[in-house]
Amino acid sequence: MDLEDDDFLDAIDEDDLYEEIYKLKIYLEEKSMIIDTVTFQLSEREKHNGKLECEIVGLRKDIEKTKALNLRFAKGFETLDEIIKVQRSPLIKTGLGYSKEASQE
C-alpha cells in the first residue's frame, strides 16, 4: 500500500493543517509571553536581592559599631563597679579617663 506523493497530498485536509498551524502559532506566542514574564520577574528579584544585600552590609556595619560601643560600656561599667567595691572617695577619678595628677589639682 504505497501511497504516491499526489495521493498523500490529497489525503491531507488543508483546513485542518491551517488550523493546526494557527494553534501552534498561538501556543508559541503564549510560551513567548510566559518566558518574557518570567524573565522580567527574575530581573526584579535580582534587583530586590541586590537591595537586600546592601541593607545586610549596612546592618553588619551597624552591629560592629554597636559591639564596639558595648565593649566600651562594659569596660566602663567594670571600672565603676571596681570603684564601688573598693569604696573610693568620689573625688578620686582615676580609671575614669582622668590622670592621677589632674585629679589631685
PDB file of N, CA and C in Angstrom:
ATOM      1  N   MET A   1       0.809  -1.188   0.000  1.00  0.00           N
ATOM      2  CA  MET A   1       0.000   0.000   0.000  1.00  0.00           C
ATOM      3  C   MET A   1       0.851   1.250   0.000  1.00  0.00           C
ATOM      4  N   ASP A   2       1.656   1.406  -0.943  1.00  0.00           N
ATOM      5  CA  ASP A   2       2.438   2.621  -1.070  1.00  0.00           C
ATOM      6  C   ASP A   2       1.568   3.722  -1.649  1.00  0.00           C
ATOM      7  N   LEU A   3       1.616   4.840  -0.949  1.00  0.00           N
ATOM      8  CA  LEU A   3       0.873   5.989  -1.450  1.00  0.00           C
ATOM      9  C   LEU A   3       1.808   6.825  -2.304  1.00  0.00           C
ATOM     10  N   GLU A   4       1.335   7.263  -3.360  1.00  0.00           N
ATOM     11  CA  GLU A   4       2.090   8.170  -4.199  1.00  0.00           C
ATOM     12  C   GLU A   4       2.073   9.552  -3.538  1.00  0.00           C
ATOM     13  N   ASP A   5       2.988  10.417  -3.899  1.00  0.00           N
ATOM     14  CA  ASP A   5       3.039  11.770  -3.340  1.00  0.00           C
ATOM     15  C   ASP A   5       1.726  12.510  -3.590  1.00  0.00           C
ATOM     16  N   ASP A   6       1.164  12.330  -4.735  1.00  0.00           N
ATOM     17  CA  ASP A   6      -0.090  13.009  -5.047  1.00  0.00           C
ATOM     18  C   ASP A   6      -1.217  12.483  -4.171  1.00  0.00           C
ATOM     19  N   ASP A   7      -1.219  11.169  -3.913  1.00  0.00           N
ATOM     20  CA  ASP A   7      -2.243  10.589  -3.051  1.00  0.00           C
ATOM     21  C   ASP A   7      -2.115  11.114  -1.627  1.00  0.00           C
ATOM     22  N   PHE A   8      -0.884  11.275  -1.180  1.00  0.00           N
ATOM     23  CA  PHE A   8      -0.639  11.784   0.173  1.00  0.00           C
ATOM     24  C   PHE A   8      -1.146  13.208   0.315  1.00  0.00           C
ATOM     25  N   LEU A   9      -0.848  14.041  -0.653  1.00  0.00           N
ATOM     26  CA  LEU A   9      -1.309  15.427  -0.620  1.00  0.00           C
ATOM     27  C   LEU A   9      -2.819  15.508  -0.694  1.00  0.00           C
ATOM     28  N   ASP A  10      -3.427  14.599  -1.410  1.00  0.00           N
ATOM     29  CA  ASP A  10      -4.892  14.588  -1.494  1.00  0.00           C
ATOM     30  C   ASP A  10      -5.508  14.180  -0.159  1.00  0.00           C
ATOM     31  N   ALA A  11      -4.795  13.337   0.595  1.00  0.00           N
ATOM     32  CA  ALA A  11      -5.328  12.837   1.865  1.00  0.00           C
ATOM     33  C   ALA A  11      -5.272  13.902   2.962  1.00  0.00           C
ATOM     34  N   ILE A  12      -4.425  14.899   2.812  1.00  0.00           N
ATOM     35  CA  ILE A  12      -4.281  15.952   3.826  1.00  0.00           C
ATOM     36  C   ILE A  12      -5.372  16.995   3.610  1.00  0.00           C
ATOM     37  N   ASP A  13      -6.047  17.297   4.677  1.00  0.00           N
ATOM     38  CA  ASP A  13      -7.077  18.328   4.622  1.00  0.00           C
ATOM     39  C   ASP A  13      -6.409  19.666   4.910  1.00  0.00           C
ATOM     40  N   GLU A  14      -6.492  20.587   3.975  1.00  0.00           N
ATOM     41  CA  GLU A  14      -5.811  21.879   4.114  1.00  0.00           C
ATOM     42  C   GLU A  14      -6.370  22.682   5.283  1.00  0.00           C
ATOM     43  N   ASP A  15      -7.651  22.642   5.515  1.00  0.00           N
ATOM     44  CA  ASP A  15      -8.256  23.410   6.605  1.00  0.00           C
ATOM     45  C   ASP A  15      -7.730  22.926   7.961  1.00  0.00           C
ATOM     46  N   ASP A  16      -7.638  21.592   8.112  1.00  0.00           N
ATOM     47  CA  ASP A  16      -7.093  21.061   9.360  1.00  0.00           C
ATOM     48  C   ASP A  16      -5.637  21.454   9.541  1.00  0.00           C
ATOM     49  N   LEU A  17      -4.896  21.478   8.442  1.00  0.00           N
ATOM     50  CA  LEU A  17      -3.483  21.850   8.500  1.00  0.00           C
ATOM     51  C   LEU A  17      -3.329  23.314   8.916  1.00  0.00           C
ATOM     52  N   TYR A  18      -4.116  24.198   8.316  1.00  0.00           N
ATOM     53  CA  TYR A  18      -4.057  25.612   8.673  1.00  0.00           C
ATOM     54  C   TYR A  18      -4.507  25.828  10.127  1.00  0.00           C
ATOM     55  N   GLU A  19      -5.503  25.099  10.538  1.00  0.00           N
ATOM     56  CA  GLU A  19      -5.975  25.200  11.915  1.00  0.00           C
ATOM     57  C   GLU A  19      -4.887  24.739  12.891  1.00  0.00           C
ATOM     58  N   GLU A  20      -4.209  23.668  12.556  1.00  0.00           N
ATOM     59  CA  GLU A  20      -3.123  23.169  13.409  1.00  0.00           C
ATOM     60  C   GLU A  20      -1.967  24.164  13.453  1.00  0.00           C
ATOM     61  N   ILE A  21      -1.641  24.766  12.327  1.00  0.00           N
ATOM     62  CA  ILE A  21      -0.585  25.787  12.281  1.00  0.00           C
ATOM     63  C   ILE A  21      -0.988  26.986  13.126  1.00  0.00           C
ATOM     64  N   TYR A  22      -2.240  27.392  13.038  1.00  0.00           N
ATOM     65  CA  TYR A  22      -2.724  28.521  13.835  1.00  0.00           C
ATOM     66  C   TYR A  22      -2.642  28.213  15.327  1.00  0.00           C
ATOM     67  N   LYS A  23      -3.041  27.017  15.727  1.00  0.00           N
ATOM     68  CA  LYS A  23      -2.948  26.622  17.136  1.00  0.00           C
ATOM     69  C   LYS A  23      -1.502  26.620  17.612  1.00  0.00           C
ATOM     70  N   LEU A  24      -0.595  26.129  16.789  1.00  0.00           N
ATOM     71  CA  LEU A  24       0.827  26.115  17.146  1.00  0.00           C
ATOM     72  C   LEU A  24       1.382  27.535  17.270  1.00  0.00           C
ATOM     73  N   LYS A  25       0.906  28.425  16.387  1.00  0.00           N
ATOM     74  CA  LYS A  25       1.341  29.821  16.449  1.00  0.00           C
ATOM     75  C   LYS A  25       0.885  30.455  17.765  1.00  0.00           C
ATOM     76  N   ILE A  26      -0.362  30.233  18.145  1.00  0.00           N
ATOM     77  CA  ILE A  26      -0.884  30.764  19.406  1.00  0.00           C
ATOM     78  C   ILE A  26      -0.114  30.174  20.586  1.00  0.00           C
ATOM     79  N   TYR A  27       0.128  28.880  20.539  1.00  0.00           N
ATOM     80  CA  TYR A  27       0.883  28.203  21.598  1.00  0.00           C
ATOM     81  C   TYR A  27       2.283  28.807  21.729  1.00  0.00           C
ATOM     82  N   LEU A  28       2.938  29.062  20.590  1.00  0.00           N
ATOM     83  CA  LEU A  28       4.272  29.657  20.600  1.00  0.00           C
ATOM     84  C   LEU A  28       4.244  31.068  21.174  1.00  0.00           C
ATOM     85  N   GLU A  29       3.232  31.849  20.822  1.00  0.00           N
ATOM     86  CA  GLU A  29       3.106  33.203  21.358  1.00  0.00           C
ATOM     87  C   GLU A  29       2.880  33.184  22.870  1.00  0.00           C
ATOM     88  N   GLU A  30       2.058  32.242  23.332  1.00  0.00           N
ATOM     89  CA  GLU A  30       1.820  32.122  24.775  1.00  0.00           C
ATOM     90  C   GLU A  30       3.115  31.760  25.509  1.00  0.00           C
ATOM     91  N   LYS A  31       3.864  30.835  24.948  1.00  0.00           N
ATOM     92  CA  LYS A  31       5.143  30.441  25.559  1.00  0.00           C
ATOM     93  C   LYS A  31       6.101  31.623  25.585  1.00  0.00           C
ATOM     94  N   SER A  32       6.114  32.401  24.528  1.00  0.00           N
ATOM     95  CA  SER A  32       6.978  33.575  24.463  1.00  0.00           C
ATOM     96  C   SER A  32       6.595  34.595  25.537  1.00  0.00           C
ATOM     97  N   MET A  33       5.285  34.801  25.724  1.00  0.00           N
ATOM     98  CA  MET A  33       4.824  35.727  26.760  1.00  0.00           C
ATOM     99  C   MET A  33       5.203  35.220  28.146  1.00  0.00           C
ATOM    100  N   ILE A  34       5.078  33.922  28.364  1.00  0.00           N
ATOM    101  CA  ILE A  34       5.449  33.342  29.658  1.00  0.00           C
ATOM    102  C   ILE A  34       6.938  33.526  29.910  1.00  0.00           C
ATOM    103  N   ILE A  35       7.747  33.294  28.893  1.00  0.00           N
ATOM    104  CA  ILE A  35       9.202  33.468  29.040  1.00  0.00           C
ATOM    105  C   ILE A  35       9.533  34.915  29.354  1.00  0.00           C
ATOM    106  N   ASP A  36       8.882  35.863  28.670  1.00  0.00           N
ATOM    107  CA  ASP A  36       9.121  37.284  28.937  1.00  0.00           C
ATOM    108  C   ASP A  36       8.721  37.646  30.372  1.00  0.00           C
ATOM    109  N   THR A  37       7.585  37.134  30.823  1.00  0.00           N
ATOM    110  CA  THR A  37       7.118  37.417  32.182  1.00  0.00           C
ATOM    111  C   THR A  37       8.079  36.867  33.221  1.00  0.00           C
ATOM    112  N   VAL A  38       8.515  35.633  33.020  1.00  0.00           N
ATOM    113  CA  VAL A  38       9.432  35.008  33.979  1.00  0.00           C
ATOM    114  C   VAL A  38      10.779  35.737  33.971  1.00  0.00           C
ATOM    115  N   THR A  39      11.235  36.147  32.810  1.00  0.00           N
ATOM    116  CA  THR A  39      12.491  36.899  32.715  1.00  0.00           C
ATOM    117  C   THR A  39      12.382  38.227  33.461  1.00  0.00           C
ATOM    118  N   PHE A  40      11.259  38.913  33.292  1.00  0.00           N
ATOM    119  CA  PHE A  40      11.046  40.174  33.999  1.00  0.00           C
ATOM    120  C   PHE A  40      11.006  39.954  35.508  1.00  0.00           C
ATOM    121  N   GLN A  41      10.290  38.920  35.945  1.00  0.00           N
ATOM    122  CA  GLN A  41      10.218  38.621  37.378  1.00  0.00           C
ATOM    123  C   GLN A  41      11.588  38.285  37.939  1.00  0.00           C
ATOM    124  N   LEU A  42      12.377  37.559  37.169  1.00  0.00           N
ATOM    125  CA  LEU A  42      13.723  37.206  37.606  1.00  0.00           C
ATOM    126  C   LEU A  42      14.595  38.449  37.760  1.00  0.00           C
ATOM    127  N   SER A  43      14.502  39.369  36.819  1.00  0.00           N
ATOM    128  CA  SER A  43      15.296  40.600  36.922  1.00  0.00           C
ATOM    129  C   SER A  43      14.851  41.435  38.117  1.00  0.00           C
ATOM    130  N   GLU A  44      13.542  41.476  38.386  1.00  0.00           N
ATOM    131  CA  GLU A  44      13.038  42.206  39.555  1.00  0.00           C
ATOM    132  C   GLU A  44      13.550  41.562  40.842  1.00  0.00           C
ATOM    133  N   ARG A  45      13.562  40.245  40.897  1.00  0.00           N
ATOM    134  CA  ARG A  45      14.065  39.541  42.086  1.00  0.00           C
ATOM    135  C   ARG A  45      15.552  39.816  42.293  1.00  0.00           C
ATOM    136  N   GLU A  46      16.302  39.869  41.202  1.00  0.00           N
ATOM    137  CA  GLU A  46      17.727  40.162  41.310  1.00  0.00           C
ATOM    138  C   GLU A  46      17.951  41.573  41.846  1.00  0.00           C
ATOM    139  N   LYS A  47      17.153  42.530  41.375  1.00  0.00           N
ATOM    140  CA  LYS A  47      17.259  43.899  41.890  1.00  0.00           C
ATOM    141  C   LYS A  47      16.922  43.933  43.379  1.00  0.00           C
ATOM    142  N   HIS A  48      15.858  43.239  43.747  1.00  0.00           N
ATOM    143  CA  HIS A  48      15.441  43.194  45.146  1.00  0.00           C
ATOM    144  C   HIS A  48      16.519  42.539  46.005  1.00  0.00           C
ATOM    145  N   ASN A  49      17.109  41.461  45.514  1.00  0.00           N
ATOM    146  CA  ASN A  49      18.188  40.790  46.247  1.00  0.00           C
ATOM    147  C   ASN A  49      19.397  41.706  46.408  1.00  0.00           C
ATOM    148  N   GLY A  50      19.699  42.484  45.374  1.00  0.00           N
ATOM    149  CA  GLY A  50      20.807  43.438  45.463  1.00  0.00           C
ATOM    150  C   GLY A  50      20.566  44.472  46.556  1.00  0.00           C
ATOM    151  N   LYS A  51      19.326  44.975  46.622  1.00  0.00           N
ATOM    152  CA  LYS A  51      18.980  45.948  47.661  1.00  0.00           C
ATOM    153  C   LYS A  51      19.098  45.316  49.046  1.00  0.00           C
ATOM    154  N   LEU A  52      18.627  44.078  49.172  1.00  0.00           N
ATOM    155  CA  LEU A  52      18.707  43.395  50.465  1.00  0.00           C
ATOM    156  C   LEU A  52      20.158  43.126  50.877  1.00  0.00           C
ATOM    157  N   GLU A  53      21.010  42.802  49.910  1.00  0.00           N
ATOM    158  CA  GLU A  53      22.420  42.586  50.219  1.00  0.00           C
ATOM    159  C   GLU A  53      23.060  43.877  50.727  1.00  0.00           C
ATOM    160  N   CYS A  54      22.733  45.002  50.104  1.00  0.00           N
ATOM    161  CA  CYS A  54      23.256  46.294  50.569  1.00  0.00           C
ATOM    162  C   CYS A  54      22.765  46.585  51.985  1.00  0.00           C
ATOM    163  N   GLU A  55      21.513  46.291  52.236  1.00  0.00           N
ATOM    164  CA  GLU A  55      20.956  46.510  53.569  1.00  0.00           C
ATOM    165  C   GLU A  55      21.645  45.622  54.601  1.00  0.00           C
ATOM    166  N   ILE A  56      21.925  44.383  54.223  1.00  0.00           N
ATOM    167  CA  ILE A  56      22.619  43.460  55.131  1.00  0.00           C
ATOM    168  C   ILE A  56      24.005  43.979  55.457  1.00  0.00           C
ATOM    169  N   VAL A  57      24.713  44.472  54.457  1.00  0.00           N
ATOM    170  CA  VAL A  57      26.062  45.014  54.687  1.00  0.00           C
ATOM    171  C   VAL A  57      25.981  46.201  55.645  1.00  0.00           C
ATOM    172  N   GLY A  58      25.003  47.079  55.431  1.00  0.00           N
ATOM    173  CA  GLY A  58      24.838  48.232  56.325  1.00  0.00           C
ATOM    174  C   GLY A  58      24.515  47.802  57.748  1.00  0.00           C
ATOM    175  N   LEU A  59      23.655  46.818  57.888  1.00  0.00           N
ATOM    176  CA  LEU A  59      23.303  46.337  59.227  1.00  0.00           C
ATOM    177  C   LEU A  59      24.493  45.676  59.915  1.00  0.00           C
ATOM    178  N   ARG A  60      25.308  44.973  59.157  1.00  0.00           N
ATOM    179  CA  ARG A  60      26.508  44.359  59.746  1.00  0.00           C
ATOM    180  C   ARG A  60      27.472  45.435  60.248  1.00  0.00           C
ATOM    181  N   LYS A  61      27.600  46.519  59.488  1.00  0.00           N
ATOM    182  CA  LYS A  61      28.458  47.634  59.931  1.00  0.00           C
ATOM    183  C   LYS A  61      27.900  48.244  61.208  1.00  0.00           C
ATOM    184  N   ASP A  62      26.580  48.416  61.257  1.00  0.00           N
ATOM    185  CA  ASP A  62      25.957  48.957  62.465  1.00  0.00           C
ATOM    186  C   ASP A  62      26.184  48.034  63.660  1.00  0.00           C
ATOM    187  N   ILE A  63      26.111  46.740  63.426  1.00  0.00           N
ATOM    188  CA  ILE A  63      26.341  45.773  64.509  1.00  0.00           C
ATOM    189  C   ILE A  63      27.768  45.885  65.025  1.00  0.00           C
ATOM    190  N   GLU A  64      28.723  46.030  64.109  1.00  0.00           N
ATOM    191  CA  GLU A  64      30.123  46.166  64.527  1.00  0.00           C
ATOM    192  C   GLU A  64      30.321  47.440  65.350  1.00  0.00           C
ATOM    193  N   LYS A  65      29.687  48.532  64.943  1.00  0.00           N
ATOM    194  CA  LYS A  65      29.789  49.779  65.712  1.00  0.00           C
ATOM    195  C   LYS A  65      29.174  49.601  67.097  1.00  0.00           C
ATOM    196  N   THR A  66      28.027  48.936  67.128  1.00  0.00           N
ATOM    197  CA  THR A  66      27.344  48.699  68.398  1.00  0.00           C
ATOM    198  C   THR A  66      28.177  47.807  69.305  1.00  0.00           C
ATOM    199  N   LYS A  67      28.844  46.815  68.725  1.00  0.00           N
ATOM    200  CA  LYS A  67      29.709  45.942  69.525  1.00  0.00           C
ATOM    201  C   LYS A  67      30.832  46.746  70.166  1.00  0.00           C
ATOM    202  N   ALA A  68      31.418  47.668  69.398  1.00  0.00           N
ATOM    203  CA  ALA A  68      32.497  48.496  69.928  1.00  0.00           C
ATOM    204  C   ALA A  68      31.980  49.374  71.072  1.00  0.00           C
ATOM    205  N   LEU A  69      30.801  49.961  70.889  1.00  0.00           N
ATOM    206  CA  LEU A  69      30.233  50.792  71.945  1.00  0.00           C
ATOM    207  C   LEU A  69      29.889  49.956  73.176  1.00  0.00           C
ATOM    208  N   ASN A  70      29.354  48.767  72.963  1.00  0.00           N
ATOM    209  CA  ASN A  70      29.026  47.891  74.087  1.00  0.00           C
ATOM    210  C   ASN A  70      30.276  47.471  74.844  1.00  0.00           C
ATOM    211  N   LEU A  71      31.362  47.252  74.103  1.00  0.00           N
ATOM    212  CA  LEU A  71      32.625  46.890  74.754  1.00  0.00           C
ATOM    213  C   LEU A  71      33.125  48.039  75.628  1.00  0.00           C
ATOM    214  N   ARG A  72      33.048  49.260  75.117  1.00  0.00           N
ATOM    215  CA  ARG A  72      33.461  50.425  75.915  1.00  0.00           C
ATOM    216  C   ARG A  72      32.553  50.582  77.144  1.00  0.00           C
ATOM    217  N   PHE A  73      31.252  50.386  76.938  1.00  0.00           N
ATOM    218  CA  PHE A  73      30.313  50.492  78.042  1.00  0.00           C
ATOM    219  C   PHE A  73      30.613  49.432  79.101  1.00  0.00           C
ATOM    220  N   ALA A  74      30.872  48.213  78.670  1.00  0.00           N
ATOM    221  CA  ALA A  74      31.166  47.134  79.616  1.00  0.00           C
ATOM    222  C   ALA A  74      32.436  47.428  80.398  1.00  0.00           C
ATOM    223  N   LYS A  75      33.448  47.956  79.715  1.00  0.00           N
ATOM    224  CA  LYS A  75      34.700  48.285  80.397  1.00  0.00           C
ATOM    225  C   LYS A  75      34.470  49.404  81.414  1.00  0.00           C
ATOM    226  N   GLY A  76      33.713  50.414  81.036  1.00  0.00           N
ATOM    227  CA  GLY A  76      33.405  51.499  81.968  1.00  0.00           C
ATOM    228  C   GLY A  76      32.580  51.002  83.142  1.00  0.00           C
ATOM    229  N   PHE A  77      31.657  50.104  82.878  1.00  0.00           N
ATOM    230  CA  PHE A  77      30.837  49.530  83.935  1.00  0.00           C
ATOM    231  C   PHE A  77      31.709  48.753  84.922  1.00  0.00           C
ATOM    232  N   GLU A  78      32.656  47.989  84.381  1.00  0.00           N
ATOM    233  CA  GLU A  78      33.575  47.237  85.246  1.00  0.00           C
ATOM    234  C   GLU A  78      34.401  48.187  86.111  1.00  0.00           C
ATOM    235  N   THR A  79      34.844  49.286  85.504  1.00  0.00           N
ATOM    236  CA  THR A  79      35.638  50.265  86.254  1.00  0.00           C
ATOM    237  C   THR A  79      34.802  50.881  87.369  1.00  0.00           C
ATOM    238  N   LEU A  80      33.579  51.273  87.049  1.00  0.00           N
ATOM    239  CA  LEU A  80      32.712  51.848  88.078  1.00  0.00           C
ATOM    240  C   LEU A  80      32.392  50.813  89.163  1.00  0.00           C
ATOM    241  N   ASP A  81      32.179  49.609  88.776  1.00  0.00           N
ATOM    242  CA  ASP A  81      31.921  48.538  89.738  1.00  0.00           C
ATOM    243  C   ASP A  81      33.127  48.345  90.655  1.00  0.00           C
ATOM    244  N   GLU A  82      34.306  48.418  90.090  1.00  0.00           N
ATOM    245  CA  GLU A  82      35.527  48.269  90.894  1.00  0.00           C
ATOM    246  C   GLU A  82      35.672  49.433  91.879  1.00  0.00           C
ATOM    247  N   ILE A  83      35.332  50.626  91.428  1.00  0.00           N
ATOM    248  CA  ILE A  83      35.390  51.797  92.324  1.00  0.00           C
ATOM    249  C   ILE A  83      34.434  51.606  93.490  1.00  0.00           C
ATOM    250  N   ILE A  84      33.249  51.137  93.199  1.00  0.00           N
ATOM    251  CA  ILE A  84      32.267  50.917  94.264  1.00  0.00           C
ATOM    252  C   ILE A  84      32.753  49.841  95.222  1.00  0.00           C
ATOM    253  N   LYS A  85      33.392  48.814  94.688  1.00  0.00           N
ATOM    254  CA  LYS A  85      33.869  47.718  95.525  1.00  0.00           C
ATOM    255  C   LYS A  85      34.932  48.187  96.515  1.00  0.00           C
ATOM    256  N   VAL A  86      35.837  49.006  96.076  1.00  0.00           N
ATOM    257  CA  VAL A  86      36.908  49.454  96.976  1.00  0.00           C
ATOM    258  C   VAL A  86      36.483  50.675  97.782  1.00  0.00           C
ATOM    259  N   GLN A  87      35.281  51.169  97.542  1.00  0.00           N
ATOM    260  CA  GLN A  87      34.699  52.300  98.254  1.00  0.00           C
ATOM    261  C   GLN A  87      35.629  53.504  98.257  1.00  0.00           C
ATOM    262  N   ARG A  88      36.033  53.884  97.087  1.00  0.00           N
ATOM    263  CA  ARG A  88      36.882  55.061  96.955  1.00  0.00           C
ATOM    264  C   ARG A  88      36.053  56.315  97.184  1.00  0.00           C
ATOM    265  N   SER A  89      36.767  57.355  97.439  1.00  0.00           N
ATOM    266  CA  SER A  89      36.133  58.665  97.557  1.00  0.00           C
ATOM    267  C   SER A  89      35.645  59.096  96.176  1.00  0.00           C
ATOM    268  N   PRO A  90      34.507  59.767  96.084  1.00  0.00           N
ATOM    269  CA  PRO A  90      34.018  60.225  94.785  1.00  0.00           C
ATOM    270  C   PRO A  90      34.948  61.250  94.138  1.00  0.00           C
ATOM    271  N   LEU A  91      35.870  61.829  94.902  1.00  0.00           N
ATOM    272  CA  LEU A  91      36.793  62.805  94.332  1.00  0.00           C
ATOM    273  C   LEU A  91      37.942  62.139  93.589  1.00  0.00           C
ATOM    274  N   ILE A  92      38.190  60.883  93.840  1.00  0.00           N
ATOM    275  CA  ILE A  92      39.258  60.165  93.144  1.00  0.00           C
ATOM    276  C   ILE A  92      38.659  59.594  91.864  1.00  0.00           C
ATOM    277  N   LYS A  93      39.116  60.135  90.753  1.00  0.00           N
ATOM    278  CA  LYS A  93      38.513  59.765  89.484  1.00  0.00           C
ATOM    279  C   LYS A  93      39.474  59.020  88.565  1.00  0.00           C
ATOM    280  N   THR A  94      40.546  58.491  89.076  1.00  0.00           N
ATOM    281  CA  THR A  94      41.447  57.728  88.223  1.00  0.00           C
ATOM    282  C   THR A  94      40.727  56.477  87.747  1.00  0.00           C
ATOM    283  N   GLY A  95      40.994  56.091  86.520  1.00  0.00           N
ATOM    284  CA  GLY A  95      40.308  54.945  85.939  1.00  0.00           C
ATOM    285  C   GLY A  95      39.081  55.355  85.159  1.00  0.00           C
ATOM    286  N   LEU A  96      38.689  56.603  85.263  1.00  0.00           N
ATOM    287  CA  LEU A  96      37.531  57.106  84.527  1.00  0.00           C
ATOM    288  C   LEU A  96      37.955  58.018  83.373  1.00  0.00           C
ATOM    289  N   GLY A  97      39.213  57.966  83.030  1.00  0.00           N
ATOM    290  CA  GLY A  97      39.702  58.805  81.955  1.00  0.00           C
ATOM    291  C   GLY A  97      40.500  59.986  82.462  1.00  0.00           C
ATOM    292  N   TYR A  98      40.610  60.138  83.762  1.00  0.00           N
ATOM    293  CA  TYR A  98      41.403  61.206  84.340  1.00  0.00           C
ATOM    294  C   TYR A  98      42.765  60.649  84.726  1.00  0.00           C
ATOM    295  N   SER A  99      43.777  61.488  84.625  1.00  0.00           N
ATOM    296  CA  SER A  99      45.089  61.055  85.094  1.00  0.00           C
ATOM    297  C   SER A  99      45.186  61.373  86.589  1.00  0.00           C
ATOM    298  N   LYS A 100      46.119  60.731  87.236  1.00  0.00           N
ATOM    299  CA  LYS A 100      46.245  60.878  88.689  1.00  0.00           C
ATOM    300  C   LYS A 100      46.605  62.315  89.060  1.00  0.00           C
ATOM    301  N   GLU A 101      47.486  62.953  88.268  1.00  0.00           N
ATOM    302  CA  GLU A 101      47.906  64.308  88.566  1.00  0.00           C
ATOM    303  C   GLU A 101      46.758  65.301  88.432  1.00  0.00           C
ATOM    304  N   ALA A 102      45.917  65.132  87.430  1.00  0.00           N
ATOM    305  CA  ALA A 102      44.815  66.060  87.196  1.00  0.00           C
ATOM    306  C   ALA A 102      43.787  65.969  88.302  1.00  0.00           C
ATOM    307  N   SER A 103      43.607  64.806  88.894  1.00  0.00           N
ATOM    308  CA  SER A 103      42.588  64.655  89.925  1.00  0.00           C
ATOM    309  C   SER A 103      43.044  65.248  91.263  1.00  0.00           C
ATOM    310  N   GLN A 104      44.345  65.434  91.428  1.00  0.00           N
ATOM    311  CA  GLN A 104      44.851  65.983  92.701  1.00  0.00           C
ATOM    312  C   GLN A 104      44.912  67.489  92.684  1.00  0.00           C
ATOM    313  N   GLU A 105      44.780  68.117  91.578  1.00  0.00           N
ATOM    314  CA  GLU A 105      44.868  69.575  91.493  1.00  0.00           C
ATOM    315  C   GLU A 105      43.658  70.261  92.032  1.00  0.00           C
TER     316      GLU A 105
END
